[in-house]
N, C-alpha and C. Protein backbone atom coordinates (compact mmCIF):
# COMPACT_ATOMS: atom_id res chain seq x y z
N VAL A 1 1.41 17.16 -3.75
CA VAL A 1 1.88 15.65 -4.14
C VAL A 1 1.15 15.30 -4.97
N GLN A 2 2.27 14.35 -5.73
CA GLN A 2 1.13 13.39 -6.55
C GLN A 2 2.28 12.10 -5.97
N LEU A 3 0.94 11.09 -5.83
CA LEU A 3 1.39 9.65 -5.79
C LEU A 3 0.99 8.53 -6.53
N GLN A 4 1.70 7.92 -6.61
CA GLN A 4 2.03 6.40 -8.18
C GLN A 4 2.57 5.18 -7.48
N ALA A 5 1.56 4.58 -7.22
CA ALA A 5 1.25 3.15 -7.47
C ALA A 5 1.63 2.24 -8.18
N SER A 6 2.79 1.57 -8.29
CA SER A 6 3.10 0.80 -9.59
C SER A 6 3.54 -0.79 -8.85
N GLY A 7 3.91 -1.88 -9.40
CA GLY A 7 4.25 -3.38 -9.13
C GLY A 7 3.37 -4.11 -9.12
N GLY A 8 1.93 -3.81 -9.36
CA GLY A 8 1.32 -4.73 -8.86
C GLY A 8 1.28 -5.76 -9.84
N GLY A 9 0.49 -6.98 -10.27
CA GLY A 9 0.53 -7.67 -11.56
C GLY A 9 -0.24 -8.70 -11.77
N SER A 10 -0.72 -9.57 -12.41
CA SER A 10 -1.37 -11.13 -11.94
C SER A 10 -0.60 -12.60 -11.88
N VAL A 11 -0.50 -13.16 -10.19
CA VAL A 11 0.36 -13.73 -9.80
C VAL A 11 -0.83 -14.93 -9.58
N GLN A 12 0.38 -16.17 -9.08
CA GLN A 12 -0.34 -17.57 -8.28
C GLN A 12 -0.31 -17.63 -6.97
N ALA A 13 -1.70 -18.07 -6.79
CA ALA A 13 -1.64 -17.78 -4.92
C ALA A 13 -0.05 -18.53 -4.26
N GLY A 14 0.66 -17.78 -3.51
CA GLY A 14 2.11 -18.18 -2.53
C GLY A 14 2.83 -17.44 -3.09
N ASP A 15 2.06 -16.81 -4.18
CA ASP A 15 3.90 -15.88 -5.10
C ASP A 15 3.61 -14.65 -4.22
N SER A 16 4.84 -14.24 -4.19
CA SER A 16 4.90 -12.53 -3.66
C SER A 16 5.37 -11.54 -4.58
N LEU A 17 4.58 -10.03 -4.23
CA LEU A 17 5.09 -8.99 -5.27
C LEU A 17 5.51 -7.67 -3.94
N ARG A 18 6.21 -6.84 -4.62
CA ARG A 18 6.28 -5.55 -3.76
C ARG A 18 5.91 -5.13 -4.77
N LEU A 19 5.25 -3.92 -3.94
CA LEU A 19 4.05 -2.49 -4.34
C LEU A 19 4.80 -1.42 -4.13
N SER A 20 4.95 -0.28 -5.01
CA SER A 20 5.80 0.79 -4.42
C SER A 20 4.85 2.22 -4.84
N CYS A 21 5.13 3.26 -4.30
CA CYS A 21 4.26 4.39 -4.30
C CYS A 21 5.29 5.97 -4.37
N ALA A 22 5.63 5.68 -5.45
CA ALA A 22 6.54 6.65 -5.82
C ALA A 22 6.02 8.17 -5.68
N ALA A 23 6.32 9.28 -4.67
CA ALA A 23 5.64 10.65 -4.32
C ALA A 23 6.63 11.54 -5.30
N SER A 24 5.63 12.71 -5.80
CA SER A 24 6.70 13.72 -6.58
C SER A 24 5.69 15.00 -6.33
N GLY A 25 6.10 16.22 -5.82
CA GLY A 25 5.63 17.49 -5.73
C GLY A 25 5.96 17.85 -4.31
N ARG A 26 6.46 17.42 -3.22
CA ARG A 26 6.36 17.15 -2.01
C ARG A 26 6.87 16.11 -1.65
N SER A 27 8.11 15.73 -0.63
CA SER A 27 8.24 15.22 0.36
C SER A 27 7.19 14.73 1.13
N ILE A 28 7.08 13.39 1.25
CA ILE A 28 6.23 12.38 2.14
C ILE A 28 7.03 12.19 3.96
N SER A 29 7.68 12.63 4.18
CA SER A 29 9.13 12.52 4.86
C SER A 29 8.12 12.74 6.22
N SER A 30 7.50 13.78 6.14
CA SER A 30 6.77 14.14 7.64
C SER A 30 5.39 13.42 7.75
N TYR A 31 4.81 12.86 7.15
CA TYR A 31 3.92 12.54 6.94
C TYR A 31 3.43 10.86 7.27
N ASP A 32 2.33 10.30 7.83
CA ASP A 32 2.33 9.03 8.09
C ASP A 32 1.58 8.96 6.54
N MET A 33 1.52 7.45 6.03
CA MET A 33 1.62 6.98 4.91
C MET A 33 0.50 5.74 4.93
N GLY A 34 0.05 5.20 4.21
CA GLY A 34 -1.14 4.33 4.41
C GLY A 34 -0.99 3.10 2.80
N TRP A 35 -1.19 2.28 2.98
CA TRP A 35 -1.87 1.51 1.38
C TRP A 35 -3.27 0.96 1.69
N PHE A 36 -3.91 0.76 1.07
CA PHE A 36 -5.88 0.68 1.17
C PHE A 36 -5.75 0.06 -0.34
N ARG A 37 -6.87 -1.08 -0.30
CA ARG A 37 -7.49 -2.01 -1.40
C ARG A 37 -8.26 -1.37 -1.57
N HIS A 38 -9.14 -1.38 -2.99
CA HIS A 38 -10.55 -2.08 -2.98
C HIS A 38 -10.95 -2.94 -4.38
N VAL A 39 -12.21 -3.56 -3.88
CA VAL A 39 -12.92 -4.64 -4.67
C VAL A 39 -14.10 -4.01 -5.63
N PRO A 40 -14.41 -3.98 -6.51
CA PRO A 40 -15.62 -3.11 -7.28
C PRO A 40 -16.60 -4.38 -6.47
N GLY A 41 -17.22 -3.52 -5.97
CA GLY A 41 -18.88 -3.82 -5.12
C GLY A 41 -18.32 -3.75 -3.85
N LYS A 42 -17.26 -3.66 -3.02
CA LYS A 42 -17.30 -3.81 -1.94
C LYS A 42 -16.44 -2.38 -1.55
N PRO A 43 -16.41 -1.95 -0.40
CA PRO A 43 -15.90 -0.82 0.70
C PRO A 43 -14.24 -0.93 0.53
N ARG A 44 -13.83 -0.05 0.02
CA ARG A 44 -12.62 0.70 0.36
C ARG A 44 -11.89 -0.33 1.61
N GLU A 45 -10.54 -0.91 1.35
CA GLU A 45 -10.71 -1.45 3.03
C GLU A 45 -9.01 -1.48 3.07
N PHE A 46 -8.67 -0.56 4.59
CA PHE A 46 -7.70 -0.43 4.98
C PHE A 46 -6.74 -1.62 4.85
N VAL A 47 -5.21 -1.17 4.73
CA VAL A 47 -4.11 -2.47 4.46
C VAL A 47 -3.33 -2.33 5.40
N ALA A 48 -2.11 -1.53 5.42
CA ALA A 48 -1.35 -1.02 6.21
C ALA A 48 -0.95 0.10 6.10
N ALA A 49 -0.41 1.04 7.55
CA ALA A 49 0.08 2.23 7.41
C ALA A 49 1.27 2.03 8.31
N ILE A 50 2.16 3.26 8.33
CA ILE A 50 3.32 3.21 8.68
C ILE A 50 3.47 4.86 9.00
N LYS A 51 4.09 5.15 10.20
CA LYS A 51 4.03 6.44 10.78
C LYS A 51 5.45 7.11 10.06
N SER A 52 5.48 8.56 10.18
CA SER A 52 6.65 9.64 9.32
C SER A 52 7.94 8.54 9.44
N THR A 53 8.39 8.40 10.49
CA THR A 53 9.78 7.81 11.52
C THR A 53 9.89 6.37 11.45
N SER A 54 8.75 5.70 10.63
CA SER A 54 8.42 4.13 10.38
C SER A 54 9.05 3.94 12.22
N SER A 55 8.57 4.09 13.03
CA SER A 55 8.41 4.00 13.97
C SER A 55 7.22 2.85 14.50
N ASN A 56 6.72 2.95 13.69
CA ASN A 56 5.32 2.34 13.87
C ASN A 56 4.99 1.73 12.64
N ALA A 57 4.24 0.40 12.33
CA ALA A 57 3.62 0.19 11.41
C ALA A 57 1.90 -0.48 12.08
N TYR A 58 1.12 -0.49 11.25
CA TYR A 58 -0.32 -0.86 11.78
C TYR A 58 -0.85 -1.83 10.07
N TYR A 59 -1.36 -2.85 10.57
CA TYR A 59 -2.06 -4.00 9.07
C TYR A 59 -3.19 -4.47 9.71
N GLU A 60 -3.98 -4.76 8.73
CA GLU A 60 -5.16 -5.51 9.11
C GLU A 60 -4.98 -6.41 9.43
N ASP A 61 -6.11 -7.29 9.63
CA ASP A 61 -5.87 -8.29 10.45
C ASP A 61 -5.65 -9.45 9.31
N SER A 62 -5.95 -9.79 8.16
CA SER A 62 -5.82 -10.59 7.39
C SER A 62 -4.62 -10.51 6.37
N VAL A 63 -3.91 -9.70 6.61
CA VAL A 63 -2.54 -9.58 6.16
C VAL A 63 -0.94 -9.67 6.56
N LYS A 64 -1.84 -9.51 8.32
CA LYS A 64 -0.41 -9.68 9.28
C LYS A 64 0.27 -10.89 9.13
N GLY A 65 1.57 -10.80 8.94
CA GLY A 65 2.47 -11.47 8.77
C GLY A 65 2.62 -12.09 7.92
N ARG A 66 1.62 -11.23 6.67
CA ARG A 66 2.63 -11.72 4.84
C ARG A 66 2.80 -10.62 4.46
N PHE A 67 1.95 -9.13 4.70
CA PHE A 67 2.44 -8.01 4.01
C PHE A 67 3.28 -7.43 5.02
N THR A 68 4.70 -6.71 4.24
CA THR A 68 5.26 -5.73 5.09
C THR A 68 5.15 -4.33 4.83
N ILE A 69 4.71 -3.35 5.38
CA ILE A 69 4.81 -1.78 4.96
C ILE A 69 5.93 -1.19 5.71
N SER A 70 6.86 -0.13 4.04
CA SER A 70 8.29 0.26 4.57
C SER A 70 8.40 1.40 3.53
N ARG A 71 9.14 2.49 4.06
CA ARG A 71 9.32 3.47 3.46
C ARG A 71 10.97 3.82 3.06
N ASP A 72 10.72 4.69 2.29
CA ASP A 72 12.43 5.39 2.28
C ASP A 72 12.21 6.80 1.89
N ASN A 73 12.49 7.39 2.91
CA ASN A 73 12.35 8.83 2.80
C ASN A 73 12.88 9.76 1.82
N ALA A 74 14.46 8.90 1.86
CA ALA A 74 15.20 9.60 0.48
C ALA A 74 15.03 9.33 -0.08
N LYS A 75 14.16 8.66 -0.89
CA LYS A 75 13.32 8.46 -2.02
C LYS A 75 12.11 8.86 -2.42
N ASN A 76 11.79 9.44 -1.18
CA ASN A 76 10.17 9.92 -1.05
C ASN A 76 9.44 8.33 -1.62
N THR A 77 9.66 7.48 -1.39
CA THR A 77 8.78 6.18 -1.78
C THR A 77 8.35 5.48 -0.55
N LEU A 78 6.77 5.18 -0.59
CA LEU A 78 6.63 3.77 -0.01
C LEU A 78 6.32 2.27 -0.53
N TYR A 79 6.36 1.08 0.47
CA TYR A 79 6.33 0.07 -0.21
C TYR A 79 5.59 -0.52 0.60
N LEU A 80 5.23 -1.70 -0.14
CA LEU A 80 4.12 -3.11 0.84
C LEU A 80 4.84 -4.29 -0.06
N GLN A 81 5.81 -4.83 0.82
CA GLN A 81 6.18 -6.31 0.74
C GLN A 81 4.60 -7.24 0.70
N MET A 82 4.47 -7.86 -0.20
CA MET A 82 3.13 -8.89 -0.04
C MET A 82 3.57 -10.41 -0.60
N ASN A 83 3.40 -11.29 0.75
CA ASN A 83 4.25 -12.45 0.79
C ASN A 83 3.23 -13.40 0.57
N SER A 84 3.35 -14.69 0.52
CA SER A 84 1.84 -15.67 0.50
C SER A 84 0.50 -15.07 0.31
N LEU A 85 0.67 -15.05 -1.42
CA LEU A 85 -0.38 -14.15 -1.76
C LEU A 85 -1.75 -14.64 -1.70
N LYS A 86 -3.08 -14.45 -1.40
CA LYS A 86 -3.81 -15.46 -1.47
C LYS A 86 -5.27 -14.63 -2.62
N PRO A 87 -5.87 -15.66 -3.16
CA PRO A 87 -6.93 -15.16 -4.21
C PRO A 87 -7.61 -13.77 -3.71
N GLU A 88 -8.07 -14.00 -2.15
CA GLU A 88 -8.69 -12.82 -1.44
C GLU A 88 -7.77 -11.43 -1.36
N ASP A 89 -6.79 -11.51 -1.66
CA ASP A 89 -5.92 -10.60 -1.73
C ASP A 89 -6.34 -9.62 -3.00
N THR A 90 -6.69 -10.07 -3.94
CA THR A 90 -6.81 -9.29 -5.70
C THR A 90 -7.68 -8.26 -5.04
N ALA A 91 -7.37 -6.74 -5.71
CA ALA A 91 -7.74 -5.82 -5.52
C ALA A 91 -6.64 -4.60 -6.09
N LEU A 92 -7.35 -3.81 -6.31
CA LEU A 92 -6.41 -2.61 -6.76
C LEU A 92 -5.99 -2.28 -5.66
N TYR A 93 -4.99 -1.78 -5.39
CA TYR A 93 -4.00 -1.26 -4.03
C TYR A 93 -3.71 0.31 -4.79
N TYR A 94 -4.35 1.37 -3.31
CA TYR A 94 -3.62 2.27 -3.26
C TYR A 94 -2.68 2.93 -2.11
N CYS A 95 -1.73 3.81 -2.37
CA CYS A 95 -1.30 4.03 -1.86
C CYS A 95 -1.82 5.92 -1.01
N ALA A 96 -1.78 6.08 0.17
CA ALA A 96 -2.31 7.28 0.54
C ALA A 96 -1.83 7.77 1.85
N ARG A 97 -1.33 9.59 1.68
CA ARG A 97 -0.79 10.49 2.85
C ARG A 97 -1.51 10.61 3.63
N GLY A 98 -1.49 10.24 4.70
CA GLY A 98 -2.45 10.90 6.33
C GLY A 98 -2.12 12.10 6.42
N SER A 99 -2.97 12.71 7.10
CA SER A 99 -2.97 14.14 7.59
C SER A 99 -3.53 14.12 9.05
N SER A 100 -4.31 14.88 9.59
CA SER A 100 -4.62 15.14 10.99
C SER A 100 -6.19 14.42 11.06
N GLY A 101 -6.65 15.08 9.55
CA GLY A 101 -8.18 14.58 9.32
C GLY A 101 -8.38 13.39 8.16
N GLY A 102 -7.29 12.67 8.50
CA GLY A 102 -7.30 11.28 7.01
C GLY A 102 -6.51 11.17 6.47
N MET A 103 -6.55 10.49 5.35
CA MET A 103 -5.47 10.95 4.24
C MET A 103 -6.40 11.42 3.08
N ASP A 104 -5.28 12.56 3.14
CA ASP A 104 -5.51 13.36 2.06
C ASP A 104 -5.36 13.44 0.54
N TYR A 105 -4.18 12.78 0.39
CA TYR A 105 -3.83 12.59 -1.27
C TYR A 105 -3.97 10.83 -1.48
N TRP A 106 -4.24 10.96 -2.66
CA TRP A 106 -4.58 9.22 -3.03
C TRP A 106 -4.00 9.19 -3.99
N GLY A 107 -3.05 8.46 -4.51
CA GLY A 107 -2.45 7.88 -5.38
C GLY A 107 -3.37 7.19 -6.77
N LYS A 108 -2.67 6.70 -7.78
CA LYS A 108 -3.67 5.91 -8.96
C LYS A 108 -3.30 4.55 -8.54
N GLY A 109 -4.07 3.89 -8.41
CA GLY A 109 -4.07 2.14 -8.15
C GLY A 109 -3.38 1.36 -9.05
N THR A 110 -3.26 0.74 -8.75
CA THR A 110 -2.20 -0.75 -8.82
C THR A 110 -2.81 -2.00 -8.93
N LEU A 111 -3.46 -2.85 -9.75
CA LEU A 111 -4.28 -3.89 -9.93
C LEU A 111 -3.24 -4.86 -9.45
N VAL A 112 -3.31 -5.63 -8.43
CA VAL A 112 -3.04 -7.08 -8.14
C VAL A 112 -4.27 -8.16 -8.02
N THR A 113 -3.84 -9.18 -8.92
CA THR A 113 -4.50 -10.21 -9.47
C THR A 113 -3.97 -11.62 -8.56
N VAL A 114 -4.73 -12.41 -7.92
CA VAL A 114 -3.95 -13.39 -7.40
C VAL A 114 -4.96 -14.64 -7.58
N SER A 115 -4.20 -15.48 -8.53
CA SER A 115 -5.33 -16.65 -9.11
C SER A 115 -5.09 -18.22 -8.36
N SER A 116 -5.50 -18.82 -8.36
CA SER A 116 -5.69 -19.98 -7.31
C SER A 116 -5.11 -20.94 -8.11
């Protein structure tokens, strides 16, 4: 499977962005999916995850109430709606596919820059 994240950009604090992760080569419908972010010089950070059936979603504490993860299995696409963005949300955002041993496929990232 190939994962391609898009939708990043440069915004002001308080703005919103919607990230998309389009999967190709194989359906993601049976897999849990997640979003992660990375700032150079810091460890990669979990942002959000969603079960294959969309029955449950999980969030890193700092994004709870501001970010919403969702998926459209018919479109083979994962989303991350980001509202009330803060400068500390600035990072390269990645989508990834879950497996029993962790995340097994990673997409290329999309850069989000939030200025104050």
